[in-house]
Every structure is written in structure tokens, then in C-alpha cells.
Amino acid sequence: MSTYAIGDIQGCMEPLQCLLKKICFDPSKDHLWLAGDLINRGPESLAVMRFLYSIRTSLTVVLGNHDLHFLAVALGHRRPGKHDTLDNLLNAQDRQQLINWLRNCKLFHHDVLSGFSMVHAGVAPQWDISQAQSYAREVEAVLQSDEIDNFLINMYGNEPAVWNEDLRGQDRLRVITNYLTRMRFCSAEGELNLEDKTGIDDAPMGFMPWFQHPERKTRSDKIIFGHWAALEGKTNTPNVFALDTGCVWGGTLTALRLEDEKLFSCECPTQDQ
């Protein structure tokens, strides 16, 4: 039995099947961790979702910003973006089943036995693992409740830009969501910069990659994340594993075997954007 974590699939079915074949994945005994952005931008979001749903008992999933965006569009709170490739999924007869499944996925996962945690974008430097779990559960509870519509209506936006325990309501939920599903750079105070998508060497002035924050409370914890294709899988930071290797941008789809930290990958064709 092995556990593999896979980066952003983004609706790319062929690379996913290639990768599962390469790792000899057996859903009856192996387990997959998926780091979010299962769908969108790639050509086969519906096929990916149906396949993943069929093996859902062998999966642990954290939601990414594209997954949350799909929920907002599907439930009528956001118009599709010009680069979205969600039409087949939005028009599918089984879309409600798939929506319900996504609503019950996590935003942060921690496994005590392996010592690994997984999140789509990152963990606020002010939070330890226990806090990250607790704050993620606040958003997860809303996604699973009758308050989901109000949350999705108010989810978009870059403010507040920094965590404060005194935040309440939609501001609190939005900043938690932004840390977990959108963060790349932050300041020494933990303030978010959500505009820049460059690599480590081109950090905007006054900001740094979240995982290089010198006082990050999770420095000793093993964290798997996706979201940041410009890193090309390289963080130059112990215990931090970047698995978004640009599948939908002509890069690769990457898996990490947790037991020995070995990487596997499959090439991905560039998609028309």
C-alpha cells in the first residue's frame, strides 16, 4: 500500500491516466492525495471529475481556487471566465452529484501518522498546523451548509489582506480561503500579495514566498501544495513540496510518494488558452 500526492490536474485526463499507470496505482490498496484544482483550463474537466468520483473512496482531496470557482459558477453566483473550460461539466446530467461531492471536500488535510499536511496554496505564516486545520474547518462547514450561497457570493476579493483573529463573518471566511487556496507571496506581517504569479527570484518588493517566511510556524512540518506553476516544483525549502508543475501549461503532472518522497511525472501537452 502506498500513498501518492498529485498536483493540479486542471481537467487534463490523459496525463492523469499516464501518471496513474506509471505509479501502478491500485485503488483497492493505494491512496491518492489531490492538491486541488482538479478542473478547469484543461480539455476534460467532466471526464476527470467522473473518474475521480468513481474512485472517491481512495482519495483525499483539498479544494483549489478553480474548484471553488466552479461551485460559484454552477450555483449561479459567478459568470464563467473567458478562459474557463467548464461547459461540459456545467451541462452534465450528473453535475449535482459532483457538486455535492466537492462541497464535502477539505481545504486542509493533516495526517498524523505520516506527518504530512496538504493544502492547495499555502499556510499563513502566523498559523500552526492545528490552527490551519481549525480555520479550514470554518470554511468547510459553510460549504456544507445552507450558508454556501452567501459565502460564494462574497468569496471573491483581495481584502482583508492579512489575518486577524478578531475578523468575523464574510471577511474572516474570505481571508482564510485566500490563504489556503490563492496565496503565493506574503509580507513579514503575513499580508497577502495576490496579484503576482512570478517565481521565487522575482518576488515583489516587500514580499516573499509564503514558505520562506523566517518565522513561519510550520517550518518543521511537511507540507504538500499546488497552485504555483511558476515554481516548476522547486521551493529550495526543507519540508515543502510543490506539486503544481504546470500540467495545463505544457509542463508535467507530478506525483509524490509519501513513503519515500520519490517523485513521478508525465508530460502534458500545452492547452489552447
C-alpha atoms as a PDB file:
ATOM      1  CA  MET A   1       0.000   0.000   0.000  1.00  0.00           C
ATOM      2  CA  SER A   2       1.329   3.426  -0.987  1.00  0.00           C
ATOM      3  CA  THR A   3       0.070   7.000  -0.716  1.00  0.00           C
ATOM      4  CA  TYR A   4       0.706   9.375  -3.615  1.00  0.00           C
ATOM      5  CA  ALA A   5       0.049  13.128  -3.667  1.00  0.00           C
ATOM      6  CA  ILE A   6      -0.703  14.633  -7.089  1.00  0.00           C
ATOM      7  CA  GLY A   7      -0.549  18.281  -8.102  1.00  0.00           C
ATOM      8  CA  ASP A   8      -3.013  20.382 -10.089  1.00  0.00           C
ATOM      9  CA  ILE A   9      -4.782  18.189 -12.676  1.00  0.00           C
ATOM     10  CA  GLN A  10      -6.885  21.044 -14.114  1.00  0.00           C
ATOM     11  CA  GLY A  11      -9.044  18.863 -16.310  1.00  0.00           C
ATOM     12  CA  CYS A  12      -6.168  17.032 -18.026  1.00  0.00           C
ATOM     13  CA  MET A  13      -7.333  13.417 -18.207  1.00  0.00           C
ATOM     14  CA  GLU A  14      -4.614  11.866 -20.390  1.00  0.00           C
ATOM     15  CA  PRO A  15      -1.687  12.982 -18.183  1.00  0.00           C
ATOM     16  CA  LEU A  16      -3.603  11.775 -15.124  1.00  0.00           C
ATOM     17  CA  GLN A  17      -4.098   8.317 -16.607  1.00  0.00           C
ATOM     18  CA  CYS A  18      -0.447   8.259 -17.700  1.00  0.00           C
ATOM     19  CA  LEU A  19       0.687   9.108 -14.180  1.00  0.00           C
ATOM     20  CA  LEU A  20      -1.554   6.530 -12.523  1.00  0.00           C
ATOM     21  CA  LYS A  21      -0.207   3.885 -14.895  1.00  0.00           C
ATOM     22  CA  LYS A  22       3.381   4.937 -14.135  1.00  0.00           C
ATOM     23  CA  ILE A  23       2.904   4.577 -10.380  1.00  0.00           C
ATOM     24  CA  CYS A  24       0.896   1.337 -10.831  1.00  0.00           C
ATOM     25  CA  PHE A  25      -1.929   2.849  -8.821  1.00  0.00           C
ATOM     26  CA  ASP A  26      -4.334   0.266  -7.414  1.00  0.00           C
ATOM     27  CA  PRO A  27      -7.430   1.898  -5.852  1.00  0.00           C
ATOM     28  CA  SER A  28      -8.092  -1.253  -3.834  1.00  0.00           C
ATOM     29  CA  LYS A  29      -4.926  -0.777  -1.789  1.00  0.00           C
ATOM     30  CA  ASP A  30      -3.264   2.568  -2.663  1.00  0.00           C
ATOM     31  CA  HIS A  31      -4.447   6.048  -1.739  1.00  0.00           C
ATOM     32  CA  LEU A  32      -4.269   9.348  -3.628  1.00  0.00           C
ATOM     33  CA  TRP A  33      -3.990  12.816  -2.165  1.00  0.00           C
ATOM     34  CA  LEU A  34      -5.054  15.540  -4.624  1.00  0.00           C
ATOM     35  CA  ALA A  35      -3.797  19.079  -4.026  1.00  0.00           C
ATOM     36  CA  GLY A  36      -6.743  20.897  -5.608  1.00  0.00           C
ATOM     37  CA  ASP A  37      -7.569  22.495  -8.948  1.00  0.00           C
ATOM     38  CA  LEU A  38      -8.927  19.215 -10.204  1.00  0.00           C
ATOM     39  CA  ILE A  39     -10.661  21.022 -13.059  1.00  0.00           C
ATOM     40  CA  ASN A  40     -10.701  23.992 -15.451  1.00  0.00           C
ATOM     41  CA  ARG A  41      -8.317  25.233 -18.152  1.00  0.00           C
ATOM     42  CA  GLY A  42      -7.733  21.681 -19.407  1.00  0.00           C
ATOM     43  CA  PRO A  43      -9.960  19.954 -22.003  1.00  0.00           C
ATOM     44  CA  GLU A  44     -11.623  17.195 -19.973  1.00  0.00           C
ATOM     45  CA  SER A  45     -12.923  18.542 -16.681  1.00  0.00           C
ATOM     46  CA  LEU A  46     -16.047  16.376 -16.800  1.00  0.00           C
ATOM     47  CA  ALA A  47     -14.101  13.187 -17.544  1.00  0.00           C
ATOM     48  CA  VAL A  48     -11.655  13.951 -14.732  1.00  0.00           C
ATOM     49  CA  MET A  49     -14.444  14.596 -12.253  1.00  0.00           C
ATOM     50  CA  ARG A  50     -16.358  11.453 -13.184  1.00  0.00           C
ATOM     51  CA  PHE A  51     -13.241   9.324 -12.920  1.00  0.00           C
ATOM     52  CA  LEU A  52     -12.230  10.779  -9.567  1.00  0.00           C
ATOM     53  CA  TYR A  53     -15.755  10.371  -8.250  1.00  0.00           C
ATOM     54  CA  SER A  54     -15.666   6.706  -9.253  1.00  0.00           C
ATOM     55  CA  ILE A  55     -12.586   6.141  -7.037  1.00  0.00           C
ATOM     56  CA  ARG A  56     -13.544   8.647  -4.323  1.00  0.00           C
ATOM     57  CA  THR A  57     -13.090   6.141  -1.502  1.00  0.00           C
ATOM     58  CA  SER A  58      -9.390   6.007  -2.434  1.00  0.00           C
ATOM     59  CA  LEU A  59      -8.972   9.788  -2.434  1.00  0.00           C
ATOM     60  CA  THR A  60      -8.226  12.641  -0.071  1.00  0.00           C
ATOM     61  CA  VAL A  61      -8.941  15.965  -1.795  1.00  0.00           C
ATOM     62  CA  VAL A  62      -8.350  19.574  -0.837  1.00  0.00           C
ATOM     63  CA  LEU A  63     -10.143  22.200  -2.888  1.00  0.00           C
ATOM     64  CA  GLY A  64      -8.307  24.738  -5.027  1.00  0.00           C
ATOM     65  CA  ASN A  65      -9.389  28.136  -6.280  1.00  0.00           C
ATOM     66  CA  HIS A  66     -10.596  26.667  -9.592  1.00  0.00           C
ATOM     67  CA  ASP A  67     -12.747  24.113  -7.774  1.00  0.00           C
ATOM     68  CA  LEU A  68     -14.324  26.841  -5.654  1.00  0.00           C
ATOM     69  CA  HIS A  69     -14.814  28.947  -8.787  1.00  0.00           C
ATOM     70  CA  PHE A  70     -16.694  26.068 -10.416  1.00  0.00           C
ATOM     71  CA  LEU A  71     -19.016  25.879  -7.417  1.00  0.00           C
ATOM     72  CA  ALA A  72     -19.677  29.616  -7.642  1.00  0.00           C
ATOM     73  CA  VAL A  73     -20.462  29.398 -11.367  1.00  0.00           C
ATOM     74  CA  ALA A  74     -22.540  26.222 -11.064  1.00  0.00           C
ATOM     75  CA  LEU A  75     -24.660  27.695  -8.273  1.00  0.00           C
ATOM     76  CA  GLY A  76     -25.256  30.911 -10.206  1.00  0.00           C
ATOM     77  CA  HIS A  77     -23.084  33.320  -8.251  1.00  0.00           C
ATOM     78  CA  ARG A  78     -20.391  33.988 -10.852  1.00  0.00           C
ATOM     79  CA  ARG A  79     -20.230  34.128 -14.617  1.00  0.00           C
ATOM     80  CA  PRO A  80     -17.730  31.812 -16.333  1.00  0.00           C
ATOM     81  CA  GLY A  81     -14.366  33.396 -17.109  1.00  0.00           C
ATOM     82  CA  LYS A  82     -13.199  33.761 -20.701  1.00  0.00           C
ATOM     83  CA  HIS A  83     -10.570  31.023 -20.215  1.00  0.00           C
ATOM     84  CA  ASP A  84     -12.846  28.609 -18.361  1.00  0.00           C
ATOM     85  CA  THR A  85     -13.341  25.142 -19.865  1.00  0.00           C
ATOM     86  CA  LEU A  86     -16.235  24.093 -17.668  1.00  0.00           C
ATOM     87  CA  ASP A  87     -19.152  23.906 -20.142  1.00  0.00           C
ATOM     88  CA  ASN A  88     -19.380  20.105 -20.305  1.00  0.00           C
ATOM     89  CA  LEU A  89     -19.226  19.861 -16.540  1.00  0.00           C
ATOM     90  CA  LEU A  90     -21.803  22.610 -16.040  1.00  0.00           C
ATOM     91  CA  ASN A  91     -24.175  20.924 -18.504  1.00  0.00           C
ATOM     92  CA  ALA A  92     -23.678  17.355 -17.270  1.00  0.00           C
ATOM     93  CA  GLN A  93     -26.684  15.373 -16.066  1.00  0.00           C
ATOM     94  CA  ASP A  94     -24.734  14.248 -13.008  1.00  0.00           C
ATOM     95  CA  ARG A  95     -23.376  17.691 -12.149  1.00  0.00           C
ATOM     96  CA  GLN A  96     -25.348  17.907  -8.882  1.00  0.00           C
ATOM     97  CA  GLN A  97     -23.768  14.691  -7.673  1.00  0.00           C
ATOM     98  CA  LEU A  98     -20.328  16.078  -8.487  1.00  0.00           C
ATOM     99  CA  ILE A  99     -21.147  19.426  -6.868  1.00  0.00           C
ATOM    100  CA  ASN A 100     -22.233  17.678  -3.678  1.00  0.00           C
ATOM    101  CA  TRP A 101     -19.004  15.695  -3.618  1.00  0.00           C
ATOM    102  CA  LEU A 102     -16.844  18.816  -3.991  1.00  0.00           C
ATOM    103  CA  ARG A 103     -18.795  20.596  -1.270  1.00  0.00           C
ATOM    104  CA  ASN A 104     -17.731  17.874   1.150  1.00  0.00           C
ATOM    105  CA  CYS A 105     -14.018  18.008   0.331  1.00  0.00           C
ATOM    106  CA  LYS A 106     -11.484  19.652   2.627  1.00  0.00           C
ATOM    107  CA  LEU A 107      -9.438  22.830   2.329  1.00  0.00           C
ATOM    108  CA  PHE A 108      -6.631  21.488   4.513  1.00  0.00           C
ATOM    109  CA  HIS A 109      -5.596  17.952   5.366  1.00  0.00           C
ATOM    110  CA  HIS A 110      -3.189  16.696   8.028  1.00  0.00           C
ATOM    111  CA  ASP A 111      -2.180  13.080   8.530  1.00  0.00           C
ATOM    112  CA  VAL A 112      -0.770  12.333  11.959  1.00  0.00           C
ATOM    113  CA  LEU A 113       0.817   9.003  11.011  1.00  0.00           C
ATOM    114  CA  SER A 114       2.849  10.266   8.039  1.00  0.00           C
ATOM    115  CA  GLY A 115       3.386  13.763   9.403  1.00  0.00           C
ATOM    116  CA  PHE A 116       2.359  15.283   6.045  1.00  0.00           C
ATOM    117  CA  SER A 117      -0.156  18.072   5.527  1.00  0.00           C
ATOM    118  CA  MET A 118      -1.707  19.123   2.215  1.00  0.00           C
ATOM    119  CA  VAL A 119      -3.204  22.416   1.085  1.00  0.00           C
ATOM    120  CA  HIS A 120      -3.802  23.931  -2.319  1.00  0.00           C
ATOM    121  CA  ALA A 121      -1.871  27.206  -1.988  1.00  0.00           C
ATOM    122  CA  GLY A 122      -0.244  27.575   1.407  1.00  0.00           C
ATOM    123  CA  VAL A 123      -0.465  28.095   5.148  1.00  0.00           C
ATOM    124  CA  ALA A 124      -0.411  31.554   6.677  1.00  0.00           C
ATOM    125  CA  PRO A 125       2.936  32.063   8.460  1.00  0.00           C
ATOM    126  CA  GLN A 126       1.038  33.070  11.604  1.00  0.00           C
ATOM    127  CA  TRP A 127      -0.703  29.672  11.824  1.00  0.00           C
ATOM    128  CA  ASP A 128       0.499  26.353  13.144  1.00  0.00           C
ATOM    129  CA  ILE A 129      -0.960  23.088  11.815  1.00  0.00           C
ATOM    130  CA  SER A 130      -3.694  22.955  14.429  1.00  0.00           C
ATOM    131  CA  GLN A 131      -4.801  26.489  13.610  1.00  0.00           C
ATOM    132  CA  ALA A 132      -4.750  25.795   9.880  1.00  0.00           C
ATOM    133  CA  GLN A 133      -6.998  22.789  10.439  1.00  0.00           C
ATOM    134  CA  SER A 134      -9.356  24.774  12.646  1.00  0.00           C
ATOM    135  CA  TYR A 135      -9.676  27.747  10.296  1.00  0.00           C
ATOM    136  CA  ALA A 136     -10.102  25.485   7.267  1.00  0.00           C
ATOM    137  CA  ARG A 137     -12.943  23.709   9.063  1.00  0.00           C
ATOM    138  CA  GLU A 138     -14.763  27.041   9.409  1.00  0.00           C
ATOM    139  CA  VAL A 139     -14.918  27.362   5.616  1.00  0.00           C
ATOM    140  CA  GLU A 140     -15.601  23.660   5.098  1.00  0.00           C
ATOM    141  CA  ALA A 141     -18.594  23.876   7.443  1.00  0.00           C
ATOM    142  CA  VAL A 142     -20.043  26.765   5.453  1.00  0.00           C
ATOM    143  CA  LEU A 143     -19.565  24.933   2.138  1.00  0.00           C
ATOM    144  CA  GLN A 144     -21.540  22.016   3.554  1.00  0.00           C
ATOM    145  CA  SER A 145     -24.324  24.194   4.974  1.00  0.00           C
ATOM    146  CA  ASP A 146     -27.214  26.346   3.791  1.00  0.00           C
ATOM    147  CA  GLU A 147     -24.843  29.325   4.042  1.00  0.00           C
ATOM    148  CA  ILE A 148     -22.896  28.258   0.949  1.00  0.00           C
ATOM    149  CA  ASP A 149     -24.656  30.748  -1.335  1.00  0.00           C
ATOM    150  CA  ASN A 150     -23.823  33.733   0.829  1.00  0.00           C
ATOM    151  CA  PHE A 151     -20.218  32.541   1.079  1.00  0.00           C
ATOM    152  CA  LEU A 152     -19.786  32.082  -2.687  1.00  0.00           C
ATOM    153  CA  ILE A 153     -21.343  35.490  -3.412  1.00  0.00           C
ATOM    154  CA  ASN A 154     -18.787  37.128  -1.102  1.00  0.00           C
ATOM    155  CA  MET A 155     -15.812  34.841  -1.759  1.00  0.00           C
ATOM    156  CA  TYR A 156     -14.086  36.936  -4.438  1.00  0.00           C
ATOM    157  CA  GLY A 157     -11.796  39.791  -3.445  1.00  0.00           C
ATOM    158  CA  ASN A 158      -8.336  40.507  -2.032  1.00  0.00           C
ATOM    159  CA  GLU A 159      -9.367  42.156   1.224  1.00  0.00           C
ATOM    160  CA  PRO A 160      -8.732  41.735   4.078  1.00  0.00           C
ATOM    161  CA  ALA A 161      -5.119  41.150   3.063  1.00  0.00           C
ATOM    162  CA  VAL A 162      -3.825  39.977   6.444  1.00  0.00           C
ATOM    163  CA  TRP A 163      -5.091  37.599   9.102  1.00  0.00           C
ATOM    164  CA  ASN A 164      -6.577  38.891  12.321  1.00  0.00           C
ATOM    165  CA  GLU A 165      -8.251  36.608  14.851  1.00  0.00           C
ATOM    166  CA  ASP A 166     -10.847  39.312  15.501  1.00  0.00           C
ATOM    167  CA  LEU A 167     -12.193  39.131  11.940  1.00  0.00           C
ATOM    168  CA  ARG A 168     -15.759  37.904  11.661  1.00  0.00           C
ATOM    169  CA  GLY A 169     -18.310  37.000   9.016  1.00  0.00           C
ATOM    170  CA  GLN A 170     -17.505  37.014   5.322  1.00  0.00           C
ATOM    171  CA  ASP A 171     -14.242  38.947   5.781  1.00  0.00           C
ATOM    172  CA  ARG A 172     -12.939  36.173   8.019  1.00  0.00           C
ATOM    173  CA  LEU A 173     -14.032  33.410   5.641  1.00  0.00           C
ATOM    174  CA  ARG A 174     -12.585  35.229   2.618  1.00  0.00           C
ATOM    175  CA  VAL A 175      -9.111  35.759   4.075  1.00  0.00           C
ATOM    176  CA  ILE A 176      -8.948  32.152   5.312  1.00  0.00           C
ATOM    177  CA  THR A 177      -9.913  30.984   1.828  1.00  0.00           C
ATOM    178  CA  ASN A 178      -7.357  33.272   0.194  1.00  0.00           C
ATOM    179  CA  TYR A 179      -4.512  31.954   2.357  1.00  0.00           C
ATOM    180  CA  LEU A 180      -5.424  28.332   1.717  1.00  0.00           C
ATOM    181  CA  THR A 181      -6.341  28.499  -1.984  1.00  0.00           C
ATOM    182  CA  ARG A 182      -4.728  31.612  -3.543  1.00  0.00           C
ATOM    183  CA  MET A 183      -1.597  32.624  -1.608  1.00  0.00           C
ATOM    184  CA  ARG A 184       1.850  32.789  -3.175  1.00  0.00           C
ATOM    185  CA  PHE A 185       3.640  35.799  -1.680  1.00  0.00           C
ATOM    186  CA  CYS A 186       3.223  37.404   1.723  1.00  0.00           C
ATOM    187  CA  SER A 187       4.990  40.083   3.731  1.00  0.00           C
ATOM    188  CA  ALA A 188       6.810  39.772   7.043  1.00  0.00           C
ATOM    189  CA  GLU A 189       3.492  40.600   8.715  1.00  0.00           C
ATOM    190  CA  GLY A 190       1.709  37.897   6.738  1.00  0.00           C
ATOM    191  CA  GLU A 191      -0.002  40.368   4.401  1.00  0.00           C
ATOM    192  CA  LEU A 192      -1.044  38.746   1.132  1.00  0.00           C
ATOM    193  CA  ASN A 193       0.021  39.796  -2.355  1.00  0.00           C
ATOM    194  CA  LEU A 194      -2.485  38.037  -4.617  1.00  0.00           C
ATOM    195  CA  GLU A 195      -1.582  39.772  -7.862  1.00  0.00           C
ATOM    196  CA  ASP A 196       1.926  38.497  -8.612  1.00  0.00           C
ATOM    197  CA  LYS A 197       2.357  34.976 -10.017  1.00  0.00           C
ATOM    198  CA  THR A 198       6.093  35.017 -10.710  1.00  0.00           C
ATOM    199  CA  GLY A 199       8.729  32.636  -9.403  1.00  0.00           C
ATOM    200  CA  ILE A 200      10.825  32.890  -6.273  1.00  0.00           C
ATOM    201  CA  ASP A 201      13.522  35.073  -7.862  1.00  0.00           C
ATOM    202  CA  ASP A 202      11.034  37.758  -8.901  1.00  0.00           C
ATOM    203  CA  ALA A 203       9.235  38.353  -5.624  1.00  0.00           C
ATOM    204  CA  PRO A 204       7.587  41.792  -5.438  1.00  0.00           C
ATOM    205  CA  MET A 205       9.313  44.288  -3.173  1.00  0.00           C
ATOM    206  CA  GLY A 206       8.467  43.750   0.473  1.00  0.00           C
ATOM    207  CA  PHE A 207       7.098  40.240  -0.102  1.00  0.00           C
ATOM    208  CA  MET A 208       8.460  36.691  -0.059  1.00  0.00           C
ATOM    209  CA  PRO A 209       7.175  33.218  -0.928  1.00  0.00           C
ATOM    210  CA  TRP A 210       4.980  32.150   1.981  1.00  0.00           C
ATOM    211  CA  PHE A 211       7.131  29.085   2.648  1.00  0.00           C
ATOM    212  CA  GLN A 212      10.316  31.180   3.014  1.00  0.00           C
ATOM    213  CA  HIS A 213       8.913  33.357   5.791  1.00  0.00           C
ATOM    214  CA  PRO A 214      11.620  33.189   8.502  1.00  0.00           C
ATOM    215  CA  GLU A 215       9.112  32.969  11.348  1.00  0.00           C
ATOM    216  CA  ARG A 216       6.624  30.609   9.719  1.00  0.00           C
ATOM    217  CA  LYS A 217       5.143  28.423  12.457  1.00  0.00           C
ATOM    218  CA  THR A 218       5.039  25.356  10.191  1.00  0.00           C
ATOM    219  CA  ARG A 219       8.776  25.303   9.355  1.00  0.00           C
ATOM    220  CA  SER A 220       9.198  21.852  10.930  1.00  0.00           C
ATOM    221  CA  ASP A 221       6.098  20.370   9.276  1.00  0.00           C
ATOM    222  CA  LYS A 222       5.969  18.565   5.927  1.00  0.00           C
ATOM    223  CA  ILE A 223       3.584  20.450   3.655  1.00  0.00           C
ATOM    224  CA  ILE A 224       2.408  19.495   0.167  1.00  0.00           C
ATOM    225  CA  PHE A 225       0.855  22.191  -2.012  1.00  0.00           C
ATOM    226  CA  GLY A 226      -0.005  23.015  -5.628  1.00  0.00           C
ATOM    227  CA  HIS A 227      -1.257  26.247  -7.206  1.00  0.00           C
ATOM    228  CA  TRP A 228       2.104  27.820  -8.128  1.00  0.00           C
ATOM    229  CA  ALA A 229       3.173  26.536 -11.548  1.00  0.00           C
ATOM    230  CA  ALA A 230       5.959  29.129 -11.896  1.00  0.00           C
ATOM    231  CA  LEU A 231       7.918  27.307  -9.186  1.00  0.00           C
ATOM    232  CA  GLU A 232       8.290  24.308 -11.529  1.00  0.00           C
ATOM    233  CA  GLY A 233       8.232  22.091  -8.452  1.00  0.00           C
ATOM    234  CA  LYS A 234      11.202  23.790  -6.750  1.00  0.00           C
ATOM    235  CA  THR A 235      10.952  25.560  -3.393  1.00  0.00           C
ATOM    236  CA  ASN A 236      14.566  25.355  -2.145  1.00  0.00           C
ATOM    237  CA  THR A 237      12.974  24.922   1.281  1.00  0.00           C
ATOM    238  CA  PRO A 238      13.081  21.813   3.503  1.00  0.00           C
ATOM    239  CA  ASN A 239       9.790  20.009   4.176  1.00  0.00           C
ATOM    240  CA  VAL A 240       7.862  21.934   1.495  1.00  0.00           C
ATOM    241  CA  PHE A 241       6.778  20.037  -1.617  1.00  0.00           C
ATOM    242  CA  ALA A 242       5.455  21.999  -4.617  1.00  0.00           C
ATOM    243  CA  LEU A 243       3.466  19.708  -6.913  1.00  0.00           C
ATOM    244  CA  ASP A 244       1.965  22.104  -9.452  1.00  0.00           C
ATOM    245  CA  THR A 245       4.438  21.569 -12.290  1.00  0.00           C
ATOM    246  CA  GLY A 246       2.391  23.301 -14.982  1.00  0.00           C
ATOM    247  CA  CYS A 247       0.454  20.418 -16.477  1.00  0.00           C
ATOM    248  CA  VAL A 248      -2.046  22.600 -18.288  1.00  0.00           C
ATOM    249  CA  TRP A 249       0.754  24.930 -19.459  1.00  0.00           C
ATOM    250  CA  GLY A 250       2.730  22.258 -21.282  1.00  0.00           C
ATOM    251  CA  GLY A 251       4.697  21.126 -18.229  1.00  0.00           C
ATOM    252  CA  THR A 252       4.182  17.900 -16.341  1.00  0.00           C
ATOM    253  CA  LEU A 253       1.745  16.303 -13.932  1.00  0.00           C
ATOM    254  CA  THR A 254       3.634  15.226 -10.825  1.00  0.00           C
ATOM    255  CA  ALA A 255       3.075  12.730  -8.028  1.00  0.00           C
ATOM    256  CA  LEU A 256       4.960  12.396  -4.745  1.00  0.00           C
ATOM    257  CA  ARG A 257       5.064   9.040  -2.972  1.00  0.00           C
ATOM    258  CA  LEU A 258       4.837   9.923   0.684  1.00  0.00           C
ATOM    259  CA  GLU A 259       6.604   6.829   1.993  1.00  0.00           C
ATOM    260  CA  ASP A 260       9.976   7.651   0.386  1.00  0.00           C
ATOM    261  CA  GLU A 261       9.359  11.152  -1.066  1.00  0.00           C
ATOM    262  CA  LYS A 262      10.068   9.896  -4.601  1.00  0.00           C
ATOM    263  CA  LEU A 263       8.680  11.957  -7.496  1.00  0.00           C
ATOM    264  CA  PHE A 264       6.968  10.675 -10.645  1.00  0.00           C
ATOM    265  CA  SER A 265       5.770  12.709 -13.610  1.00  0.00           C
ATOM    266  CA  CYS A 266       4.133  12.587 -17.034  1.00  0.00           C
ATOM    267  CA  GLU A 267       4.458  15.156 -19.805  1.00  0.00           C
ATOM    268  CA  CYS A 268       1.417  17.279 -20.646  1.00  0.00           C
ATOM    269  CA  PRO A 269       0.571  18.921 -23.967  1.00  0.00           C
ATOM    270  CA  THR A 270       0.051  22.682 -23.958  1.00  0.00           C
ATOM    271  CA  GLN A 271      -3.632  23.622 -23.999  1.00  0.00           C
ATOM    272  CA  ASP A 272      -5.042  26.447 -26.105  1.00  0.00           C
ATOM    273  CA  GLN A 273      -5.908  29.325 -23.814  1.00  0.00           C
END
